[in-house]
Amino acid sequence: MAAFKHISVAALAADIAAATPVVVLDVRDPGSFSAGRIAGAVRLDNQSVPQFLQGADKDAKTVVCCYHGNSSQSAAQFLAEHGFTDAYSLDGGMAQWALSQPCDQD
């Protein structure tokens, strides 16, 4: 069975700063997503998953974030089981990200 990996806030921030291609998926609710998110993140929910899976590059580095790094693990595992070769869960989620990194807002 394919498995996801973990990534720290520092490692993801370094990838973004270095312009390393990375897809960031945010599985939080719409209000939380609007209030603060990682720049370039795409909100993913149960309704948007099928469309995302159809157009996704399954070999791209794909990082899933949630509130605290728990729900993102299930979502990253789901992606790994659907053929994503480089799926990650963001350790500490947006709570950890917001402590040291900028957030985009609507």
PDB file of N, CA and C in Angstrom:
ATOM      1  N   MET A   1       0.831  -1.177   0.000  1.00  0.00           N
ATOM      2  CA  MET A   1       0.000   0.000   0.000  1.00  0.00           C
ATOM      3  C   MET A   1       0.878   1.245   0.000  1.00  0.00           C
ATOM      4  N   ALA A   2       0.562   2.190  -0.851  1.00  0.00           N
ATOM      5  CA  ALA A   2       1.293   3.452  -0.897  1.00  0.00           C
ATOM      6  C   ALA A   2       1.041   4.236   0.377  1.00  0.00           C
ATOM      7  N   ALA A   3       2.010   5.017   0.788  1.00  0.00           N
ATOM      8  CA  ALA A   3       1.874   5.794   2.012  1.00  0.00           C
ATOM      9  C   ALA A   3       2.308   7.239   1.784  1.00  0.00           C
ATOM     10  N   PHE A   4       1.689   8.135   2.525  1.00  0.00           N
ATOM     11  CA  PHE A   4       2.076   9.540   2.477  1.00  0.00           C
ATOM     12  C   PHE A   4       3.305   9.749   3.353  1.00  0.00           C
ATOM     13  N   LYS A   5       3.875  10.941   3.238  1.00  0.00           N
ATOM     14  CA  LYS A   5       5.018  11.333   4.055  1.00  0.00           C
ATOM     15  C   LYS A   5       4.626  12.560   4.876  1.00  0.00           C
ATOM     16  N   HIS A   6       5.465  12.921   5.796  1.00  0.00           N
ATOM     17  CA  HIS A   6       5.263  14.120   6.605  1.00  0.00           C
ATOM     18  C   HIS A   6       6.230  15.200   6.132  1.00  0.00           C
ATOM     19  N   ILE A   7       5.797  16.459   6.273  1.00  0.00           N
ATOM     20  CA  ILE A   7       6.677  17.582   5.969  1.00  0.00           C
ATOM     21  C   ILE A   7       6.491  18.630   7.054  1.00  0.00           C
ATOM     22  N   SER A   8       7.583  19.231   7.474  1.00  0.00           N
ATOM     23  CA  SER A   8       7.529  20.274   8.499  1.00  0.00           C
ATOM     24  C   SER A   8       7.197  21.619   7.858  1.00  0.00           C
ATOM     25  N   VAL A   9       6.763  22.544   8.675  1.00  0.00           N
ATOM     26  CA  VAL A   9       6.507  23.905   8.205  1.00  0.00           C
ATOM     27  C   VAL A   9       7.783  24.489   7.617  1.00  0.00           C
ATOM     28  N   ALA A  10       8.909  24.304   8.285  1.00  0.00           N
ATOM     29  CA  ALA A  10      10.177  24.852   7.801  1.00  0.00           C
ATOM     30  C   ALA A  10      10.542  24.289   6.429  1.00  0.00           C
ATOM     31  N   ALA A  11      10.358  22.998   6.231  1.00  0.00           N
ATOM     32  CA  ALA A  11      10.692  22.384   4.938  1.00  0.00           C
ATOM     33  C   ALA A  11       9.767  22.880   3.832  1.00  0.00           C
ATOM     34  N   LEU A  12       8.469  22.995   4.119  1.00  0.00           N
ATOM     35  CA  LEU A  12       7.548  23.504   3.106  1.00  0.00           C
ATOM     36  C   LEU A  12       7.851  24.962   2.796  1.00  0.00           C
ATOM     37  N   ALA A  13       8.115  25.759   3.819  1.00  0.00           N
ATOM     38  CA  ALA A  13       8.460  27.170   3.602  1.00  0.00           C
ATOM     39  C   ALA A  13       9.723  27.290   2.750  1.00  0.00           C
ATOM     40  N   ALA A  14      10.699  26.431   2.984  1.00  0.00           N
ATOM     41  CA  ALA A  14      11.929  26.449   2.180  1.00  0.00           C
ATOM     42  C   ALA A  14      11.640  26.069   0.735  1.00  0.00           C
ATOM     43  N   ASP A  15      10.786  25.074   0.519  1.00  0.00           N
ATOM     44  CA  ASP A  15      10.404  24.710  -0.851  1.00  0.00           C
ATOM     45  C   ASP A  15       9.734  25.879  -1.558  1.00  0.00           C
ATOM     46  N   ILE A  16       8.818  26.534  -0.863  1.00  0.00           N
ATOM     47  CA  ILE A  16       8.107  27.667  -1.471  1.00  0.00           C
ATOM     48  C   ILE A  16       9.076  28.807  -1.764  1.00  0.00           C
ATOM     49  N   ALA A  17       9.963  29.117  -0.822  1.00  0.00           N
ATOM     50  CA  ALA A  17      10.947  30.187  -1.017  1.00  0.00           C
ATOM     51  C   ALA A  17      11.881  29.888  -2.178  1.00  0.00           C
ATOM     52  N   ALA A  18      12.196  28.615  -2.385  1.00  0.00           N
ATOM     53  CA  ALA A  18      13.101  28.215  -3.471  1.00  0.00           C
ATOM     54  C   ALA A  18      12.356  28.017  -4.794  1.00  0.00           C
ATOM     55  N   ALA A  19      11.052  28.305  -4.790  1.00  0.00           N
ATOM     56  CA  ALA A  19      10.210  28.132  -5.982  1.00  0.00           C
ATOM     57  C   ALA A  19      10.187  26.680  -6.456  1.00  0.00           C
ATOM     58  N   THR A  20      10.339  25.754  -5.517  1.00  0.00           N
ATOM     59  CA  THR A  20      10.187  24.339  -5.833  1.00  0.00           C
ATOM     60  C   THR A  20       8.722  24.087  -6.153  1.00  0.00           C
ATOM     61  N   PRO A  21       8.422  23.440  -7.261  1.00  0.00           N
ATOM     62  CA  PRO A  21       7.014  23.181  -7.579  1.00  0.00           C
ATOM     63  C   PRO A  21       6.352  22.323  -6.505  1.00  0.00           C
ATOM     64  N   VAL A  22       5.302  22.847  -5.915  1.00  0.00           N
ATOM     65  CA  VAL A  22       4.566  22.129  -4.882  1.00  0.00           C
ATOM     66  C   VAL A  22       3.096  22.523  -4.972  1.00  0.00           C
ATOM     67  N   VAL A  23       2.227  21.535  -4.867  1.00  0.00           N
ATOM     68  CA  VAL A  23       0.785  21.764  -4.827  1.00  0.00           C
ATOM     69  C   VAL A  23       0.378  21.710  -3.365  1.00  0.00           C
ATOM     70  N   VAL A  24      -0.241  22.785  -2.876  1.00  0.00           N
ATOM     71  CA  VAL A  24      -0.700  22.824  -1.491  1.00  0.00           C
ATOM     72  C   VAL A  24      -2.224  22.740  -1.494  1.00  0.00           C
ATOM     73  N   LEU A  25      -2.739  21.727  -0.826  1.00  0.00           N
ATOM     74  CA  LEU A  25      -4.179  21.514  -0.704  1.00  0.00           C
ATOM     75  C   LEU A  25      -4.590  21.783   0.737  1.00  0.00           C
ATOM     76  N   ASP A  26      -5.645  22.558   0.902  1.00  0.00           N
ATOM     77  CA  ASP A  26      -6.136  22.931   2.228  1.00  0.00           C
ATOM     78  C   ASP A  26      -7.504  22.288   2.421  1.00  0.00           C
ATOM     79  N   VAL A  27      -7.654  21.459   3.435  1.00  0.00           N
ATOM     80  CA  VAL A  27      -8.904  20.726   3.643  1.00  0.00           C
ATOM     81  C   VAL A  27      -9.760  21.332   4.765  1.00  0.00           C
ATOM     82  N   ARG A  28      -9.462  22.566   5.161  1.00  0.00           N
ATOM     83  CA  ARG A  28     -10.248  23.216   6.200  1.00  0.00           C
ATOM     84  C   ARG A  28     -11.552  23.785   5.623  1.00  0.00           C
ATOM     85  N   ASP A  29     -12.423  24.256   6.507  1.00  0.00           N
ATOM     86  CA  ASP A  29     -13.705  24.812   6.081  1.00  0.00           C
ATOM     87  C   ASP A  29     -13.497  26.129   5.324  1.00  0.00           C
ATOM     88  N   PRO A  30     -14.506  26.558   4.536  1.00  0.00           N
ATOM     89  CA  PRO A  30     -14.355  27.764   3.717  1.00  0.00           C
ATOM     90  C   PRO A  30     -14.000  29.017   4.510  1.00  0.00           C
ATOM     91  N   GLY A  31     -14.599  29.202   5.689  1.00  0.00           N
ATOM     92  CA  GLY A  31     -14.310  30.395   6.483  1.00  0.00           C
ATOM     93  C   GLY A  31     -12.867  30.450   6.950  1.00  0.00           C
ATOM     94  N   SER A  32     -12.371  29.324   7.417  1.00  0.00           N
ATOM     95  CA  SER A  32     -10.975  29.266   7.869  1.00  0.00           C
ATOM     96  C   SER A  32     -10.016  29.478   6.706  1.00  0.00           C
ATOM     97  N   PHE A  33     -10.345  28.889   5.556  1.00  0.00           N
ATOM     98  CA  PHE A  33      -9.521  29.051   4.359  1.00  0.00           C
ATOM     99  C   PHE A  33      -9.453  30.519   3.959  1.00  0.00           C
ATOM    100  N   SER A  34     -10.592  31.202   3.972  1.00  0.00           N
ATOM    101  CA  SER A  34     -10.638  32.620   3.601  1.00  0.00           C
ATOM    102  C   SER A  34      -9.878  33.494   4.592  1.00  0.00           C
ATOM    103  N   ALA A  35      -9.929  33.131   5.863  1.00  0.00           N
ATOM    104  CA  ALA A  35      -9.305  33.937   6.909  1.00  0.00           C
ATOM    105  C   ALA A  35      -7.781  33.859   6.897  1.00  0.00           C
ATOM    106  N   GLY A  36      -7.211  32.765   6.393  1.00  0.00           N
ATOM    107  CA  GLY A  36      -5.761  32.646   6.343  1.00  0.00           C
ATOM    108  C   GLY A  36      -5.337  31.315   5.784  1.00  0.00           C
ATOM    109  N   ARG A  37      -4.460  31.356   4.782  1.00  0.00           N
ATOM    110  CA  ARG A  37      -4.015  30.136   4.105  1.00  0.00           C
ATOM    111  C   ARG A  37      -2.607  30.331   3.571  1.00  0.00           C
ATOM    112  N   ILE A  38      -1.984  29.238   3.205  1.00  0.00           N
ATOM    113  CA  ILE A  38      -0.676  29.276   2.558  1.00  0.00           C
ATOM    114  C   ILE A  38      -0.866  29.834   1.155  1.00  0.00           C
ATOM    115  N   ALA A  39       0.010  30.740   0.764  1.00  0.00           N
ATOM    116  CA  ALA A  39      -0.086  31.355  -0.559  1.00  0.00           C
ATOM    117  C   ALA A  39      -0.149  30.289  -1.646  1.00  0.00           C
ATOM    118  N   GLY A  40      -1.128  30.414  -2.527  1.00  0.00           N
ATOM    119  CA  GLY A  40      -1.268  29.476  -3.634  1.00  0.00           C
ATOM    120  C   GLY A  40      -2.033  28.212  -3.298  1.00  0.00           C
ATOM    121  N   ALA A  41      -2.445  28.054  -2.045  1.00  0.00           N
ATOM    122  CA  ALA A  41      -3.166  26.843  -1.644  1.00  0.00           C
ATOM    123  C   ALA A  41      -4.523  26.767  -2.342  1.00  0.00           C
ATOM    124  N   VAL A  42      -4.941  25.539  -2.585  1.00  0.00           N
ATOM    125  CA  VAL A  42      -6.237  25.247  -3.191  1.00  0.00           C
ATOM    126  C   VAL A  42      -7.083  24.553  -2.137  1.00  0.00           C
ATOM    127  N   ARG A  43      -8.313  25.045  -1.962  1.00  0.00           N
ATOM    128  CA  ARG A  43      -9.200  24.398  -0.985  1.00  0.00           C
ATOM    129  C   ARG A  43      -9.784  23.134  -1.602  1.00  0.00           C
ATOM    130  N   LEU A  44      -9.721  22.058  -0.853  1.00  0.00           N
ATOM    131  CA  LEU A  44     -10.226  20.767  -1.317  1.00  0.00           C
ATOM    132  C   LEU A  44     -11.251  20.261  -0.319  1.00  0.00           C
ATOM    133  N   ASP A  45     -12.418  19.867  -0.825  1.00  0.00           N
ATOM    134  CA  ASP A  45     -13.440  19.265   0.034  1.00  0.00           C
ATOM    135  C   ASP A  45     -14.012  18.057  -0.685  1.00  0.00           C
ATOM    136  N   ASN A  46     -14.950  17.382  -0.044  1.00  0.00           N
ATOM    137  CA  ASN A  46     -15.503  16.154  -0.623  1.00  0.00           C
ATOM    138  C   ASN A  46     -16.121  16.369  -1.994  1.00  0.00           C
ATOM    139  N   GLN A  47     -16.693  17.549  -2.227  1.00  0.00           N
ATOM    140  CA  GLN A  47     -17.314  17.822  -3.515  1.00  0.00           C
ATOM    141  C   GLN A  47     -16.292  18.097  -4.621  1.00  0.00           C
ATOM    142  N   SER A  48     -15.159  18.661  -4.284  1.00  0.00           N
ATOM    143  CA  SER A  48     -14.173  19.028  -5.307  1.00  0.00           C
ATOM    144  C   SER A  48     -13.125  17.941  -5.570  1.00  0.00           C
ATOM    145  N   VAL A  49     -13.100  16.893  -4.754  1.00  0.00           N
ATOM    146  CA  VAL A  49     -12.100  15.828  -4.925  1.00  0.00           C
ATOM    147  C   VAL A  49     -12.149  15.186  -6.308  1.00  0.00           C
ATOM    148  N   PRO A  50     -13.326  14.762  -6.813  1.00  0.00           N
ATOM    149  CA  PRO A  50     -13.323  14.095  -8.128  1.00  0.00           C
ATOM    150  C   PRO A  50     -12.729  14.957  -9.238  1.00  0.00           C
ATOM    151  N   GLN A  51     -13.089  16.231  -9.268  1.00  0.00           N
ATOM    152  CA  GLN A  51     -12.552  17.121 -10.301  1.00  0.00           C
ATOM    153  C   GLN A  51     -11.045  17.301 -10.120  1.00  0.00           C
ATOM    154  N   PHE A  52     -10.601  17.451  -8.879  1.00  0.00           N
ATOM    155  CA  PHE A  52      -9.172  17.586  -8.617  1.00  0.00           C
ATOM    156  C   PHE A  52      -8.416  16.355  -9.104  1.00  0.00           C
ATOM    157  N   LEU A  53      -8.920  15.174  -8.782  1.00  0.00           N
ATOM    158  CA  LEU A  53      -8.234  13.939  -9.170  1.00  0.00           C
ATOM    159  C   LEU A  53      -8.109  13.806 -10.682  1.00  0.00           C
ATOM    160  N   GLN A  54      -9.106  14.282 -11.419  1.00  0.00           N
ATOM    161  CA  GLN A  54      -9.072  14.181 -12.887  1.00  0.00           C
ATOM    162  C   GLN A  54      -7.956  15.000 -13.500  1.00  0.00           C
ATOM    163  N   GLY A  55      -7.699  16.187 -12.931  1.00  0.00           N
ATOM    164  CA  GLY A  55      -6.729  17.076 -13.559  1.00  0.00           C
ATOM    165  C   GLY A  55      -5.379  17.140 -12.880  1.00  0.00           C
ATOM    166  N   ALA A  56      -5.193  16.399 -11.811  1.00  0.00           N
ATOM    167  CA  ALA A  56      -3.972  16.516 -11.014  1.00  0.00           C
ATOM    168  C   ALA A  56      -2.791  15.791 -11.638  1.00  0.00           C
ATOM    169  N   ASP A  57      -1.611  16.367 -11.431  1.00  0.00           N
ATOM    170  CA  ASP A  57      -0.357  15.698 -11.772  1.00  0.00           C
ATOM    171  C   ASP A  57       0.007  14.827 -10.576  1.00  0.00           C
ATOM    172  N   LYS A  58      -0.169  13.539 -10.706  1.00  0.00           N
ATOM    173  CA  LYS A  58       0.013  12.632  -9.581  1.00  0.00           C
ATOM    174  C   LYS A  58       1.483  12.433  -9.198  1.00  0.00           C
ATOM    175  N   ASP A  59       2.396  12.982  -9.988  1.00  0.00           N
ATOM    176  CA  ASP A  59       3.813  12.906  -9.642  1.00  0.00           C
ATOM    177  C   ASP A  59       4.317  14.203  -9.007  1.00  0.00           C
ATOM    178  N   ALA A  60       3.464  15.219  -8.939  1.00  0.00           N
ATOM    179  CA  ALA A  60       3.865  16.497  -8.341  1.00  0.00           C
ATOM    180  C   ALA A  60       3.922  16.371  -6.822  1.00  0.00           C
ATOM    181  N   LYS A  61       4.826  17.099  -6.221  1.00  0.00           N
ATOM    182  CA  LYS A  61       4.875  17.156  -4.755  1.00  0.00           C
ATOM    183  C   LYS A  61       3.576  17.813  -4.293  1.00  0.00           C
ATOM    184  N   THR A  62       2.800  17.078  -3.492  1.00  0.00           N
ATOM    185  CA  THR A  62       1.485  17.540  -3.072  1.00  0.00           C
ATOM    186  C   THR A  62       1.410  17.499  -1.555  1.00  0.00           C
ATOM    187  N   VAL A  63       1.165  18.673  -0.963  1.00  0.00           N
ATOM    188  CA  VAL A  63       1.130  18.809   0.498  1.00  0.00           C
ATOM    189  C   VAL A  63      -0.290  19.147   0.923  1.00  0.00           C
ATOM    190  N   VAL A  64      -0.813  18.378   1.864  1.00  0.00           N
ATOM    191  CA  VAL A  64      -2.153  18.626   2.389  1.00  0.00           C
ATOM    192  C   VAL A  64      -2.017  19.275   3.761  1.00  0.00           C
ATOM    193  N   CYS A  65      -2.784  20.355   3.974  1.00  0.00           N
ATOM    194  CA  CYS A  65      -2.788  20.990   5.283  1.00  0.00           C
ATOM    195  C   CYS A  65      -4.210  21.077   5.813  1.00  0.00           C
ATOM    196  N   CYS A  66      -4.311  21.088   7.135  1.00  0.00           N
ATOM    197  CA  CYS A  66      -5.599  21.202   7.820  1.00  0.00           C
ATOM    198  C   CYS A  66      -5.370  22.152   8.999  1.00  0.00           C
ATOM    199  N   TYR A  67      -6.141  22.001  10.047  1.00  0.00           N
ATOM    200  CA  TYR A  67      -6.017  22.871  11.217  1.00  0.00           C
ATOM    201  C   TYR A  67      -4.746  22.589  12.022  1.00  0.00           C
ATOM    202  N   HIS A  68      -4.561  21.323  12.425  1.00  0.00           N
ATOM    203  CA  HIS A  68      -3.460  20.973  13.328  1.00  0.00           C
ATOM    204  C   HIS A  68      -2.596  19.811  12.833  1.00  0.00           C
ATOM    205  N   GLY A  69      -2.827  19.338  11.624  1.00  0.00           N
ATOM    206  CA  GLY A  69      -2.010  18.253  11.078  1.00  0.00           C
ATOM    207  C   GLY A  69      -2.573  16.872  11.292  1.00  0.00           C
ATOM    208  N   ASN A  70      -3.832  16.773  11.700  1.00  0.00           N
ATOM    209  CA  ASN A  70      -4.438  15.461  11.908  1.00  0.00           C
ATOM    210  C   ASN A  70      -5.267  15.016  10.707  1.00  0.00           C
ATOM    211  N   SER A  71      -6.256  15.807  10.310  1.00  0.00           N
ATOM    212  CA  SER A  71      -7.104  15.456   9.167  1.00  0.00           C
ATOM    213  C   SER A  71      -6.305  15.368   7.875  1.00  0.00           C
ATOM    214  N   SER A  72      -5.253  16.154   7.786  1.00  0.00           N
ATOM    215  CA  SER A  72      -4.437  16.146   6.571  1.00  0.00           C
ATOM    216  C   SER A  72      -3.760  14.790   6.356  1.00  0.00           C
ATOM    217  N   GLN A  73      -3.524  14.054   7.429  1.00  0.00           N
ATOM    218  CA  GLN A  73      -2.900  12.744   7.279  1.00  0.00           C
ATOM    219  C   GLN A  73      -3.827  11.782   6.530  1.00  0.00           C
ATOM    220  N   SER A  74      -5.098  11.801   6.872  1.00  0.00           N
ATOM    221  CA  SER A  74      -6.064  10.945   6.162  1.00  0.00           C
ATOM    222  C   SER A  74      -6.178  11.351   4.705  1.00  0.00           C
ATOM    223  N   ALA A  75      -6.215  12.666   4.463  1.00  0.00           N
ATOM    224  CA  ALA A  75      -6.327  13.150   3.088  1.00  0.00           C
ATOM    225  C   ALA A  75      -5.074  12.812   2.279  1.00  0.00           C
ATOM    226  N   ALA A  76      -3.903  12.954   2.878  1.00  0.00           N
ATOM    227  CA  ALA A  76      -2.656  12.614   2.181  1.00  0.00           C
ATOM    228  C   ALA A  76      -2.592  11.114   1.904  1.00  0.00           C
ATOM    229  N   GLN A  77      -3.062  10.301   2.839  1.00  0.00           N
ATOM    230  CA  GLN A  77      -3.084   8.859   2.613  1.00  0.00           C
ATOM    231  C   GLN A  77      -4.040   8.518   1.479  1.00  0.00           C
ATOM    232  N   PHE A  78      -5.186   9.178   1.430  1.00  0.00           N
ATOM    233  CA  PHE A  78      -6.148   8.988   0.337  1.00  0.00           C
ATOM    234  C   PHE A  78      -5.475   9.282  -1.004  1.00  0.00           C
ATOM    235  N   LEU A  79      -4.737  10.387  -1.075  1.00  0.00           N
ATOM    236  CA  LEU A  79      -4.047  10.731  -2.326  1.00  0.00           C
ATOM    237  C   LEU A  79      -3.018   9.666  -2.687  1.00  0.00           C
ATOM    238  N   ALA A  80      -2.245   9.228  -1.705  1.00  0.00           N
ATOM    239  CA  ALA A  80      -1.245   8.187  -1.965  1.00  0.00           C
ATOM    240  C   ALA A  80      -1.904   6.926  -2.507  1.00  0.00           C
ATOM    241  N   GLU A  81      -3.041   6.565  -1.939  1.00  0.00           N
ATOM    242  CA  GLU A  81      -3.757   5.375  -2.393  1.00  0.00           C
ATOM    243  C   GLU A  81      -4.379   5.551  -3.778  1.00  0.00           C
ATOM    244  N   HIS A  82      -4.485   6.803  -4.222  1.00  0.00           N
ATOM    245  CA  HIS A  82      -5.023   7.086  -5.556  1.00  0.00           C
ATOM    246  C   HIS A  82      -3.915   7.460  -6.543  1.00  0.00           C
ATOM    247  N   GLY A  83      -2.708   7.004  -6.262  1.00  0.00           N
ATOM    248  CA  GLY A  83      -1.628   7.113  -7.231  1.00  0.00           C
ATOM    249  C   GLY A  83      -0.714   8.305  -7.100  1.00  0.00           C
ATOM    250  N   PHE A  84      -0.892   9.147  -6.081  1.00  0.00           N
ATOM    251  CA  PHE A  84       0.013  10.275  -5.901  1.00  0.00           C
ATOM    252  C   PHE A  84       1.321   9.743  -5.327  1.00  0.00           C
ATOM    253  N   THR A  85       2.406  10.003  -6.021  1.00  0.00           N
ATOM    254  CA  THR A  85       3.691   9.416  -5.656  1.00  0.00           C
ATOM    255  C   THR A  85       4.465  10.239  -4.635  1.00  0.00           C
ATOM    256  N   ASP A  86       4.046  11.499  -4.413  1.00  0.00           N
ATOM    257  CA  ASP A  86       4.798  12.402  -3.540  1.00  0.00           C
ATOM    258  C   ASP A  86       3.820  13.201  -2.676  1.00  0.00           C
ATOM    259  N   ALA A  87       2.987  12.492  -1.890  1.00  0.00           N
ATOM    260  CA  ALA A  87       1.951  13.119  -1.065  1.00  0.00           C
ATOM    261  C   ALA A  87       2.462  13.303   0.366  1.00  0.00           C
ATOM    262  N   TYR A  88       2.178  14.472   0.931  1.00  0.00           N
ATOM    263  CA  TYR A  88       2.643  14.830   2.269  1.00  0.00           C
ATOM    264  C   TYR A  88       1.494  15.374   3.107  1.00  0.00           C
ATOM    265  N   SER A  89       1.632  15.232   4.411  1.00  0.00           N
ATOM    266  CA  SER A  89       0.794  15.910   5.389  1.00  0.00           C
ATOM    267  C   SER A  89       1.667  16.954   6.083  1.00  0.00           C
ATOM    268  N   LEU A  90       1.137  18.171   6.218  1.00  0.00           N
ATOM    269  CA  LEU A  90       1.890  19.241   6.878  1.00  0.00           C
ATOM    270  C   LEU A  90       1.796  19.073   8.391  1.00  0.00           C
ATOM    271  N   ASP A  91       2.911  18.774   9.019  1.00  0.00           N
ATOM    272  CA  ASP A  91       2.951  18.596  10.468  1.00  0.00           C
ATOM    273  C   ASP A  91       2.581  19.901  11.169  1.00  0.00           C
ATOM    274  N   GLY A  92       1.606  19.810  12.078  1.00  0.00           N
ATOM    275  CA  GLY A  92       1.172  20.989  12.832  1.00  0.00           C
ATOM    276  C   GLY A  92       0.125  21.824  12.134  1.00  0.00           C
ATOM    277  N   GLY A  93      -0.117  21.555  10.857  1.00  0.00           N
ATOM    278  CA  GLY A  93      -1.161  22.248  10.100  1.00  0.00           C
ATOM    279  C   GLY A  93      -1.012  23.761  10.065  1.00  0.00           C
ATOM    280  N   MET A  94      -2.142  24.415   9.797  1.00  0.00           N
ATOM    281  CA  MET A  94      -2.133  25.874   9.690  1.00  0.00           C
ATOM    282  C   MET A  94      -1.835  26.538  11.025  1.00  0.00           C
ATOM    283  N   ALA A  95      -2.176  25.891  12.123  1.00  0.00           N
ATOM    284  CA  ALA A  95      -1.851  26.463  13.433  1.00  0.00           C
ATOM    285  C   ALA A  95      -0.341  26.653  13.559  1.00  0.00           C
ATOM    286  N   GLN A  96       0.425  25.658  13.131  1.00  0.00           N
ATOM    287  CA  GLN A  96       1.891  25.748  13.190  1.00  0.00           C
ATOM    288  C   GLN A  96       2.418  26.711  12.131  1.00  0.00           C
ATOM    289  N   TRP A  97       1.859  26.661  10.923  1.00  0.00           N
ATOM    290  CA  TRP A  97       2.287  27.555   9.836  1.00  0.00           C
ATOM    291  C   TRP A  97       2.155  29.010  10.264  1.00  0.00           C
ATOM    292  N   ALA A  98       1.009  29.368  10.840  1.00  0.00           N
ATOM    293  CA  ALA A  98       0.718  30.762  11.185  1.00  0.00           C
ATOM    294  C   ALA A  98       1.651  31.322  12.257  1.00  0.00           C
ATOM    295  N   LEU A  99       2.322  30.462  13.004  1.00  0.00           N
ATOM    296  CA  LEU A  99       3.249  30.938  14.026  1.00  0.00           C
ATOM    297  C   LEU A  99       4.506  31.566  13.432  1.00  0.00           C
ATOM    298  N   SER A 100       4.881  31.166  12.219  1.00  0.00           N
ATOM    299  CA  SER A 100       6.158  31.646  11.686  1.00  0.00           C
ATOM    300  C   SER A 100       6.111  32.084  10.226  1.00  0.00           C
ATOM    301  N   GLN A 101       4.986  31.854   9.551  1.00  0.00           N
ATOM    302  CA  GLN A 101       4.931  32.133   8.123  1.00  0.00           C
ATOM    303  C   GLN A 101       3.750  33.046   7.791  1.00  0.00           C
ATOM    304  N   PRO A 102       3.870  33.807   6.690  1.00  0.00           N
ATOM    305  CA  PRO A 102       2.744  34.662   6.289  1.00  0.00           C
ATOM    306  C   PRO A 102       1.574  33.831   5.755  1.00  0.00           C
ATOM    307  N   CYS A 103       0.389  34.393   5.896  1.00  0.00           N
ATOM    308  CA  CYS A 103      -0.829  33.762   5.407  1.00  0.00           C
ATOM    309  C   CYS A 103      -1.538  34.700   4.433  1.00  0.00           C
ATOM    310  N   ASP A 104      -2.050  34.158   3.342  1.00  0.00           N
ATOM    311  CA  ASP A 104      -2.903  34.919   2.437  1.00  0.00           C
ATOM    312  C   ASP A 104      -4.306  34.949   3.014  1.00  0.00           C
ATOM    313  N   GLN A 105      -5.028  36.026   2.707  1.00  0.00           N
ATOM    314  CA  GLN A 105      -6.414  36.161   3.140  1.00  0.00           C
ATOM    315  C   GLN A 105      -7.259  36.700   2.000  1.00  0.00           C
ATOM    316  N   ASP A 106      -8.555  36.457   2.108  1.00  0.00           N
ATOM    317  CA  ASP A 106      -9.472  37.058   1.132  1.00  0.00           C
ATOM    318  C   ASP A 106      -9.758  38.488   1.508  1.00  0.00           C
TER     319      ASP A 106
END
